[in-house]
Every structure is written in structure tokens, then in C-alpha cells.
PDB file of N, CA and C in Angstrom:
ATOM      1  N   MET A   1       0.840  -1.172   0.000  1.00  0.00           N
ATOM      2  CA  MET A   1       0.000   0.000   0.000  1.00  0.00           C
ATOM      3  C   MET A   1       0.891   1.243   0.000  1.00  0.00           C
ATOM      4  N   ARG A   2       0.564   2.184  -0.854  1.00  0.00           N
ATOM      5  CA  ARG A   2       1.359   3.407  -0.971  1.00  0.00           C
ATOM      6  C   ARG A   2       1.003   4.427   0.096  1.00  0.00           C
ATOM      7  N   GLY A   3      -0.270   4.456   0.465  1.00  0.00           N
ATOM      8  CA  GLY A   3      -0.722   5.379   1.497  1.00  0.00           C
ATOM      9  C   GLY A   3      -0.714   4.701   2.853  1.00  0.00           C
ATOM     10  N   THR A   4      -1.140   5.442   3.857  1.00  0.00           N
ATOM     11  CA  THR A   4      -1.242   4.884   5.203  1.00  0.00           C
ATOM     12  C   THR A   4      -2.679   5.058   5.693  1.00  0.00           C
ATOM     13  N   VAL A   5      -3.023   4.304   6.714  1.00  0.00           N
ATOM     14  CA  VAL A   5      -4.379   4.349   7.260  1.00  0.00           C
ATOM     15  C   VAL A   5      -4.273   4.692   8.739  1.00  0.00           C
ATOM     16  N   SER A   6      -5.214   5.493   9.220  1.00  0.00           N
ATOM     17  CA  SER A   6      -5.222   5.844  10.638  1.00  0.00           C
ATOM     18  C   SER A   6      -5.435   4.589  11.476  1.00  0.00           C
ATOM     19  N   ASN A   7      -5.092   4.662  12.742  1.00  0.00           N
ATOM     20  CA  ASN A   7      -5.222   3.500  13.635  1.00  0.00           C
ATOM     21  C   ASN A   7      -6.639   2.947  13.688  1.00  0.00           C
ATOM     22  N   ASP A   8      -7.634   3.819  13.592  1.00  0.00           N
ATOM     23  CA  ASP A   8      -9.027   3.355  13.650  1.00  0.00           C
ATOM     24  C   ASP A   8      -9.577   2.972  12.276  1.00  0.00           C
ATOM     25  N   GLN A   9      -8.754   3.003  11.253  1.00  0.00           N
ATOM     26  CA  GLN A   9      -9.092   2.650   9.865  1.00  0.00           C
ATOM     27  C   GLN A   9     -10.213   3.499   9.288  1.00  0.00           C
ATOM     28  N   ARG A  10     -10.317   4.723   9.744  1.00  0.00           N
ATOM     29  CA  ARG A  10     -11.345   5.617   9.227  1.00  0.00           C
ATOM     30  C   ARG A  10     -10.821   6.625   8.205  1.00  0.00           C
ATOM     31  N   VAL A  11      -9.512   6.865   8.212  1.00  0.00           N
ATOM     32  CA  VAL A  11      -8.938   7.871   7.311  1.00  0.00           C
ATOM     33  C   VAL A  11      -7.735   7.288   6.566  1.00  0.00           C
ATOM     34  N   TYR A  12      -7.745   7.470   5.251  1.00  0.00           N
ATOM     35  CA  TYR A  12      -6.635   7.070   4.391  1.00  0.00           C
ATOM     36  C   TYR A  12      -5.795   8.328   4.140  1.00  0.00           C
ATOM     37  N   HIS A  13      -4.482   8.227   4.288  1.00  0.00           N
ATOM     38  CA  HIS A  13      -3.570   9.355   4.071  1.00  0.00           C
ATOM     39  C   HIS A  13      -2.623   9.007   2.935  1.00  0.00           C
ATOM     40  N   TYR A  14      -2.418   9.956   2.061  1.00  0.00           N
ATOM     41  CA  TYR A  14      -1.463   9.768   0.977  1.00  0.00           C
ATOM     42  C   TYR A  14      -0.614  11.027   0.878  1.00  0.00           C
ATOM     43  N   GLU A  15       0.687  10.845   0.871  1.00  0.00           N
ATOM     44  CA  GLU A  15       1.592  11.981   0.796  1.00  0.00           C
ATOM     45  C   GLU A  15       2.608  11.735  -0.301  1.00  0.00           C
ATOM     46  N   SER A  16       2.876  12.781  -1.085  1.00  0.00           N
ATOM     47  CA  SER A  16       3.805  12.640  -2.192  1.00  0.00           C
ATOM     48  C   SER A  16       4.464  13.973  -2.512  1.00  0.00           C
ATOM     49  N   PRO A  17       5.722  13.948  -2.912  1.00  0.00           N
ATOM     50  CA  PRO A  17       6.390  15.194  -3.314  1.00  0.00           C
ATOM     51  C   PRO A  17       5.825  15.758  -4.622  1.00  0.00           C
ATOM     52  N   PHE A  18       5.048  14.954  -5.337  1.00  0.00           N
ATOM     53  CA  PHE A  18       4.493  15.403  -6.607  1.00  0.00           C
ATOM     54  C   PHE A  18       3.181  16.157  -6.450  1.00  0.00           C
ATOM     55  N   LEU A  19       2.617  16.128  -5.250  1.00  0.00           N
ATOM     56  CA  LEU A  19       1.327  16.771  -5.027  1.00  0.00           C
ATOM     57  C   LEU A  19       1.493  18.228  -4.645  1.00  0.00           C
ATOM     58  N   MET A  20       0.952  19.099  -5.462  1.00  0.00           N
ATOM     59  CA  MET A  20       0.940  20.513  -5.119  1.00  0.00           C
ATOM     60  C   MET A  20      -0.347  21.119  -5.663  1.00  0.00           C
ATOM     61  N   GLN A  21      -1.025  21.888  -4.838  1.00  0.00           N
ATOM     62  CA  GLN A  21      -2.286  22.515  -5.227  1.00  0.00           C
ATOM     63  C   GLN A  21      -2.110  23.309  -6.518  1.00  0.00           C
ATOM     64  N   GLY A  22      -2.923  23.001  -7.499  1.00  0.00           N
ATOM     65  CA  GLY A  22      -2.934  23.776  -8.730  1.00  0.00           C
ATOM     66  C   GLY A  22      -1.816  23.457  -9.711  1.00  0.00           C
ATOM     67  N   GLU A  23      -0.950  22.494  -9.402  1.00  0.00           N
ATOM     68  CA  GLU A  23       0.163  22.212 -10.302  1.00  0.00           C
ATOM     69  C   GLU A  23      -0.306  21.677 -11.643  1.00  0.00           C
ATOM     70  N   ASN A  24      -1.465  21.065 -11.648  1.00  0.00           N
ATOM     71  CA  ASN A  24      -1.951  20.459 -12.878  1.00  0.00           C
ATOM     72  C   ASN A  24      -3.092  21.230 -13.513  1.00  0.00           C
ATOM     73  N   GLY A  25      -3.386  22.401 -13.003  1.00  0.00           N
ATOM     74  CA  GLY A  25      -4.426  23.238 -13.586  1.00  0.00           C
ATOM     75  C   GLY A  25      -5.835  22.858 -13.206  1.00  0.00           C
ATOM     76  N   LEU A  26      -6.025  21.835 -12.387  1.00  0.00           N
ATOM     77  CA  LEU A  26      -7.352  21.436 -11.951  1.00  0.00           C
ATOM     78  C   LEU A  26      -7.638  22.003 -10.563  1.00  0.00           C
ATOM     79  N   THR A  27      -8.871  22.413 -10.343  1.00  0.00           N
ATOM     80  CA  THR A  27      -9.258  22.899  -9.022  1.00  0.00           C
ATOM     81  C   THR A  27      -9.492  21.705  -8.103  1.00  0.00           C
ATOM     82  N   LEU A  28      -9.574  21.956  -6.808  1.00  0.00           N
ATOM     83  CA  LEU A  28      -9.855  20.885  -5.860  1.00  0.00           C
ATOM     84  C   LEU A  28     -11.210  20.249  -6.169  1.00  0.00           C
ATOM     85  N   SER A  29     -12.156  21.046  -6.565  1.00  0.00           N
ATOM     86  CA  SER A  29     -13.479  20.538  -6.929  1.00  0.00           C
ATOM     87  C   SER A  29     -13.395  19.573  -8.114  1.00  0.00           C
ATOM     88  N   GLN A  30     -12.608  19.919  -9.108  1.00  0.00           N
ATOM     89  CA  GLN A  30     -12.438  19.051 -10.275  1.00  0.00           C
ATOM     90  C   GLN A  30     -11.709  17.761  -9.887  1.00  0.00           C
ATOM     91  N   LEU A  31     -10.716  17.882  -9.017  1.00  0.00           N
ATOM     92  CA  LEU A  31      -9.996  16.699  -8.562  1.00  0.00           C
ATOM     93  C   LEU A  31     -10.918  15.773  -7.769  1.00  0.00           C
ATOM     94  N   ARG A  32     -11.779  16.337  -6.929  1.00  0.00           N
ATOM     95  CA  ARG A  32     -12.735  15.531  -6.160  1.00  0.00           C
ATOM     96  C   ARG A  32     -13.689  14.803  -7.105  1.00  0.00           C
ATOM     97  N   ALA A  33     -14.167  15.497  -8.117  1.00  0.00           N
ATOM     98  CA  ALA A  33     -15.088  14.883  -9.084  1.00  0.00           C
ATOM     99  C   ALA A  33     -14.402  13.729  -9.811  1.00  0.00           C
ATOM    100  N   LEU A  34     -13.169  13.931 -10.218  1.00  0.00           N
ATOM    101  CA  LEU A  34     -12.408  12.891 -10.892  1.00  0.00           C
ATOM    102  C   LEU A  34     -12.190  11.699  -9.970  1.00  0.00           C
ATOM    103  N   PHE A  35     -11.887  11.968  -8.702  1.00  0.00           N
ATOM    104  CA  PHE A  35     -11.683  10.910  -7.711  1.00  0.00           C
ATOM    105  C   PHE A  35     -12.941  10.057  -7.552  1.00  0.00           C
ATOM    106  N   ILE A  36     -14.096  10.665  -7.342  1.00  0.00           N
ATOM    107  CA  ILE A  36     -15.319   9.900  -7.058  1.00  0.00           C
ATOM    108  C   ILE A  36     -15.751   9.111  -8.291  1.00  0.00           C
ATOM    109  N   LYS A  37     -15.591   9.681  -9.470  1.00  0.00           N
ATOM    110  CA  LYS A  37     -15.945   8.959 -10.697  1.00  0.00           C
ATOM    111  C   LYS A  37     -15.037   7.757 -10.903  1.00  0.00           C
ATOM    112  N   SER A  38     -13.758   7.923 -10.598  1.00  0.00           N
ATOM    113  CA  SER A  38     -12.800   6.817 -10.742  1.00  0.00           C
ATOM    114  C   SER A  38     -13.036   5.744  -9.686  1.00  0.00           C
ATOM    115  N   LEU A  39     -13.269   6.164  -8.457  1.00  0.00           N
ATOM    116  CA  LEU A  39     -13.474   5.210  -7.367  1.00  0.00           C
ATOM    117  C   LEU A  39     -14.706   4.349  -7.602  1.00  0.00           C
ATOM    118  N   LEU A  40     -15.792   4.975  -7.997  1.00  0.00           N
ATOM    119  CA  LEU A  40     -17.050   4.248  -8.183  1.00  0.00           C
ATOM    120  C   LEU A  40     -17.223   3.709  -9.595  1.00  0.00           C
ATOM    121  N   LYS A  41     -16.284   4.029 -10.482  1.00  0.00           N
ATOM    122  CA  LYS A  41     -16.364   3.617 -11.888  1.00  0.00           C
ATOM    123  C   LYS A  41     -17.720   3.986 -12.487  1.00  0.00           C
ATOM    124  N   ASN A  42     -18.085   5.240 -12.228  1.00  0.00           N
ATOM    125  CA  ASN A  42     -19.380   5.742 -12.686  1.00  0.00           C
ATOM    126  C   ASN A  42     -19.192   7.195 -13.105  1.00  0.00           C
ATOM    127  N   GLU A  43     -19.305   7.466 -14.388  1.00  0.00           N
ATOM    128  CA  GLU A  43     -19.115   8.825 -14.907  1.00  0.00           C
ATOM    129  C   GLU A  43     -20.175   9.805 -14.411  1.00  0.00           C
ATOM    130  N   ARG A  44     -21.288   9.299 -13.913  1.00  0.00           N
ATOM    131  CA  ARG A  44     -22.366  10.173 -13.442  1.00  0.00           C
ATOM    132  C   ARG A  44     -22.309  10.434 -11.943  1.00  0.00           C
ATOM    133  N   ALA A  45     -21.369   9.813 -11.249  1.00  0.00           N
ATOM    134  CA  ALA A  45     -21.246   9.989  -9.795  1.00  0.00           C
ATOM    135  C   ALA A  45     -20.904  11.442  -9.473  1.00  0.00           C
ATOM    136  N   LYS A  46     -21.499  11.950  -8.418  1.00  0.00           N
ATOM    137  CA  LYS A  46     -21.265  13.320  -7.969  1.00  0.00           C
ATOM    138  C   LYS A  46     -20.612  13.287  -6.590  1.00  0.00           C
ATOM    139  N   TYR A  47     -19.566  14.061  -6.418  1.00  0.00           N
ATOM    140  CA  TYR A  47     -18.836  14.085  -5.148  1.00  0.00           C
ATOM    141  C   TYR A  47     -19.746  14.442  -3.976  1.00  0.00           C
ATOM    142  N   VAL A  48     -20.598  15.430  -4.143  1.00  0.00           N
ATOM    143  CA  VAL A  48     -21.424  15.900  -3.021  1.00  0.00           C
ATOM    144  C   VAL A  48     -22.467  14.889  -2.573  1.00  0.00           C
ATOM    145  N   THR A  49     -22.874  13.983  -3.444  1.00  0.00           N
ATOM    146  CA  THR A  49     -23.917  13.027  -3.079  1.00  0.00           C
ATOM    147  C   THR A  49     -23.374  11.672  -2.639  1.00  0.00           C
ATOM    148  N   GLU A  50     -22.088  11.447  -2.831  1.00  0.00           N
ATOM    149  CA  GLU A  50     -21.512  10.158  -2.451  1.00  0.00           C
ATOM    150  C   GLU A  50     -20.976  10.203  -1.028  1.00  0.00           C
ATOM    151  N   ASN A  51     -20.587   9.051  -0.513  1.00  0.00           N
ATOM    152  CA  ASN A  51     -20.259   8.896   0.902  1.00  0.00           C
ATOM    153  C   ASN A  51     -18.763   9.044   1.218  1.00  0.00           C
ATOM    154  N   TYR A  52     -18.024   9.734   0.377  1.00  0.00           N
ATOM    155  CA  TYR A  52     -16.587   9.890   0.607  1.00  0.00           C
ATOM    156  C   TYR A  52     -16.212  11.362   0.656  1.00  0.00           C
ATOM    157  N   ALA A  53     -15.256  11.679   1.511  1.00  0.00           N
ATOM    158  CA  ALA A  53     -14.743  13.052   1.601  1.00  0.00           C
ATOM    159  C   ALA A  53     -13.257  13.025   1.266  1.00  0.00           C
ATOM    160  N   LEU A  54     -12.800  14.080   0.603  1.00  0.00           N
ATOM    161  CA  LEU A  54     -11.403  14.180   0.228  1.00  0.00           C
ATOM    162  C   LEU A  54     -10.932  15.598   0.530  1.00  0.00           C
ATOM    163  N   GLU A  55      -9.845  15.705   1.255  1.00  0.00           N
ATOM    164  CA  GLU A  55      -9.224  16.998   1.537  1.00  0.00           C
ATOM    165  C   GLU A  55      -7.774  16.934   1.106  1.00  0.00           C
ATOM    166  N   LYS A  56      -7.257  18.037   0.623  1.00  0.00           N
ATOM    167  CA  LYS A  56      -5.878  18.095   0.155  1.00  0.00           C
ATOM    168  C   LYS A  56      -5.190  19.272   0.820  1.00  0.00           C
ATOM    169  N   GLU A  57      -4.053  18.987   1.447  1.00  0.00           N
ATOM    170  CA  GLU A  57      -3.248  20.022   2.094  1.00  0.00           C
ATOM    171  C   GLU A  57      -1.833  19.904   1.578  1.00  0.00           C
ATOM    172  N   HIS A  58      -1.405  20.860   0.810  1.00  0.00           N
ATOM    173  CA  HIS A  58      -0.067  20.864   0.223  1.00  0.00           C
ATOM    174  C   HIS A  58       0.212  19.532  -0.478  1.00  0.00           C
ATOM    175  N   ARG A  59       0.990  18.681   0.141  1.00  0.00           N
ATOM    176  CA  ARG A  59       1.369  17.410  -0.506  1.00  0.00           C
ATOM    177  C   ARG A  59       0.729  16.209   0.160  1.00  0.00           C
ATOM    178  N   ARG A  60      -0.346  16.416   0.884  1.00  0.00           N
ATOM    179  CA  ARG A  60      -1.005  15.321   1.609  1.00  0.00           C
ATOM    180  C   ARG A  60      -2.500  15.300   1.286  1.00  0.00           C
ATOM    181  N   ILE A  61      -2.997  14.102   1.053  1.00  0.00           N
ATOM    182  CA  ILE A  61      -4.422  13.899   0.779  1.00  0.00           C
ATOM    183  C   ILE A  61      -4.994  13.019   1.879  1.00  0.00           C
ATOM    184  N   ASN A  62      -6.172  13.382   2.369  1.00  0.00           N
ATOM    185  CA  ASN A  62      -6.880  12.580   3.367  1.00  0.00           C
ATOM    186  C   ASN A  62      -8.242  12.221   2.795  1.00  0.00           C
ATOM    187  N   ILE A  63      -8.617  10.960   2.929  1.00  0.00           N
ATOM    188  CA  ILE A  63      -9.910  10.480   2.435  1.00  0.00           C
ATOM    189  C   ILE A  63     -10.588   9.703   3.548  1.00  0.00           C
ATOM    190  N   TRP A  64     -11.891   9.936   3.724  1.00  0.00           N
ATOM    191  CA  TRP A  64     -12.653   9.207   4.724  1.00  0.00           C
ATOM    192  C   TRP A  64     -14.102   9.086   4.277  1.00  0.00           C
ATOM    193  N   ARG A  65     -14.829   8.214   4.960  1.00  0.00           N
ATOM    194  CA  ARG A  65     -16.254   8.036   4.681  1.00  0.00           C
ATOM    195  C   ARG A  65     -17.032   9.092   5.463  1.00  0.00           C
ATOM    196  N   LYS A  66     -17.982   9.726   4.823  1.00  0.00           N
ATOM    197  CA  LYS A  66     -18.770  10.769   5.477  1.00  0.00           C
ATOM    198  C   LYS A  66     -19.634  10.217   6.602  1.00  0.00           C
ATOM    199  N   ASP A  67     -19.991   8.939   6.516  1.00  0.00           N
ATOM    200  CA  ASP A  67     -20.846   8.352   7.554  1.00  0.00           C
ATOM    201  C   ASP A  67     -20.046   7.919   8.785  1.00  0.00           C
ATOM    202  N   GLY A  68     -18.727   8.116   8.765  1.00  0.00           N
ATOM    203  CA  GLY A  68     -17.889   7.813   9.919  1.00  0.00           C
ATOM    204  C   GLY A  68     -17.483   6.356  10.069  1.00  0.00           C
ATOM    205  N   LYS A  69     -17.924   5.496   9.161  1.00  0.00           N
ATOM    206  CA  LYS A  69     -17.571   4.076   9.244  1.00  0.00           C
ATOM    207  C   LYS A  69     -16.132   3.851   8.812  1.00  0.00           C
ATOM    208  N   MET A  70     -15.593   2.703   9.215  1.00  0.00           N
ATOM    209  CA  MET A  70     -14.239   2.343   8.819  1.00  0.00           C
ATOM    210  C   MET A  70     -14.192   2.062   7.323  1.00  0.00           C
ATOM    211  N   LEU A  71     -13.063   2.358   6.713  1.00  0.00           N
ATOM    212  CA  LEU A  71     -12.859   2.024   5.307  1.00  0.00           C
ATOM    213  C   LEU A  71     -12.568   0.531   5.210  1.00  0.00           C
ATOM    214  N   SER A  72     -13.266  -0.153   4.311  1.00  0.00           N
ATOM    215  CA  SER A  72     -13.050  -1.586   4.153  1.00  0.00           C
ATOM    216  C   SER A  72     -11.732  -1.834   3.425  1.00  0.00           C
ATOM    217  N   GLU A  73     -11.251  -3.049   3.493  1.00  0.00           N
ATOM    218  CA  GLU A  73     -10.014  -3.432   2.814  1.00  0.00           C
ATOM    219  C   GLU A  73     -10.153  -3.189   1.310  1.00  0.00           C
ATOM    220  N   GLU A  74     -11.310  -3.495   0.759  1.00  0.00           N
ATOM    221  CA  GLU A  74     -11.565  -3.286  -0.670  1.00  0.00           C
ATOM    222  C   GLU A  74     -11.511  -1.799  -1.027  1.00  0.00           C
ATOM    223  N   GLU A  75     -12.143  -0.968  -0.198  1.00  0.00           N
ATOM    224  CA  GLU A  75     -12.115   0.476  -0.438  1.00  0.00           C
ATOM    225  C   GLU A  75     -10.689   1.011  -0.377  1.00  0.00           C
ATOM    226  N   LEU A  76      -9.938   0.557   0.614  1.00  0.00           N
ATOM    227  CA  LEU A  76      -8.553   1.013   0.766  1.00  0.00           C
ATOM    228  C   LEU A  76      -7.703   0.646  -0.444  1.00  0.00           C
ATOM    229  N   LEU A  77      -7.876  -0.559  -0.952  1.00  0.00           N
ATOM    230  CA  LEU A  77      -7.112  -0.987  -2.124  1.00  0.00           C
ATOM    231  C   LEU A  77      -7.467  -0.161  -3.355  1.00  0.00           C
ATOM    232  N   LYS A  78      -8.753   0.101  -3.546  1.00  0.00           N
ATOM    233  CA  LYS A  78      -9.196   0.931  -4.679  1.00  0.00           C
ATOM    234  C   LYS A  78      -8.627   2.340  -4.569  1.00  0.00           C
ATOM    235  N   ILE A  79      -8.754   2.929  -3.382  1.00  0.00           N
ATOM    236  CA  ILE A  79      -8.271   4.296  -3.159  1.00  0.00           C
ATOM    237  C   ILE A  79      -6.766   4.353  -3.392  1.00  0.00           C
ATOM    238  N   ASP A  80      -6.045   3.371  -2.876  1.00  0.00           N
ATOM    239  CA  ASP A  80      -4.597   3.338  -2.993  1.00  0.00           C
ATOM    240  C   ASP A  80      -4.146   3.220  -4.452  1.00  0.00           C
ATOM    241  N   GLU A  81      -4.953   2.616  -5.267  1.00  0.00           N
ATOM    242  CA  GLU A  81      -4.635   2.489  -6.687  1.00  0.00           C
ATOM    243  C   GLU A  81      -4.982   3.767  -7.447  1.00  0.00           C
ATOM    244  N   ILE A  82      -6.106   4.377  -7.105  1.00  0.00           N
ATOM    245  CA  ILE A  82      -6.635   5.533  -7.835  1.00  0.00           C
ATOM    246  C   ILE A  82      -5.897   6.832  -7.534  1.00  0.00           C
ATOM    247  N   ILE A  83      -5.612   7.093  -6.282  1.00  0.00           N
ATOM    248  CA  ILE A  83      -5.049   8.389  -5.877  1.00  0.00           C
ATOM    249  C   ILE A  83      -3.759   8.745  -6.623  1.00  0.00           C
ATOM    250  N   PRO A  84      -2.766   7.868  -6.679  1.00  0.00           N
ATOM    251  CA  PRO A  84      -1.552   8.245  -7.425  1.00  0.00           C
ATOM    252  C   PRO A  84      -1.833   8.508  -8.907  1.00  0.00           C
ATOM    253  N   GLN A  85      -2.729   7.738  -9.493  1.00  0.00           N
ATOM    254  CA  GLN A  85      -3.060   7.922 -10.908  1.00  0.00           C
ATOM    255  C   GLN A  85      -3.654   9.302 -11.156  1.00  0.00           C
ATOM    256  N   ILE A  86      -4.543   9.722 -10.293  1.00  0.00           N
ATOM    257  CA  ILE A  86      -5.215  11.012 -10.473  1.00  0.00           C
ATOM    258  C   ILE A  86      -4.292  12.183 -10.139  1.00  0.00           C
ATOM    259  N   PHE A  87      -3.701  12.143  -8.977  1.00  0.00           N
ATOM    260  CA  PHE A  87      -3.011  13.313  -8.469  1.00  0.00           C
ATOM    261  C   PHE A  87      -1.566  13.444  -8.921  1.00  0.00           C
ATOM    262  N   GLU A  88      -0.984  12.390  -9.437  1.00  0.00           N
ATOM    263  CA  GLU A  88       0.395  12.496  -9.880  1.00  0.00           C
ATOM    264  C   GLU A  88       0.546  12.518 -11.390  1.00  0.00           C
ATOM    265  N   THR A  89      -0.554  12.320 -12.111  1.00  0.00           N
ATOM    266  CA  THR A  89      -0.446  12.305 -13.570  1.00  0.00           C
ATOM    267  C   THR A  89      -1.274  13.392 -14.244  1.00  0.00           C
ATOM    268  N   ASN A  90      -2.194  14.021 -13.529  1.00  0.00           N
ATOM    269  CA  ASN A  90      -3.027  15.064 -14.143  1.00  0.00           C
ATOM    270  C   ASN A  90      -2.375  16.415 -14.070  1.00  0.00           C
TER     271      ASN A  90
END
């Protein structure tokens, strides 16, 4: 796994030297939309209506479920695969 998970398995953290706000010309809103569509494999998915939250601070990304539940092993694997693809190549 490239990212790390909090002790309670509620928050996924990803940190990279390649992550910088605005480096790729996309806004945080656009990045969130791209993330949720990729995670759910649904082009019609909307970030605001789905159960995931994403925050980006400098070179660190935090992702968690809005309902406060733990992230499942399957969710963690998907997120860990998607995040570098989105944030390091766009």
C-alpha cells in the first residue's frame, strides 16, 4: 500500500512530493469529481452526493467516509490504486 491508514481505519492518508495545489491546472473541486468517478467507476457519480470526503493540504491527501464508518479493505485498495493515478499524472 502506498498510502497509510489511521489506527481506527477511518482515514486514508497519501503523501507525495508530486502533489501541489494547482500544479496540474485542476481545481480541488475538479480533482474531487475525478476521484469519485474513478473510485465508483461511474461517470455520473457526484462528489457531493456520495459517501466519501477528500481533503488536500499541500502534498497530503486525506480520504474518509462521510458516515464515519471504517474504510473496508476493498475500499482502501481501490483508493490506494486511484489516488496516485489522479493526483500524480493530471
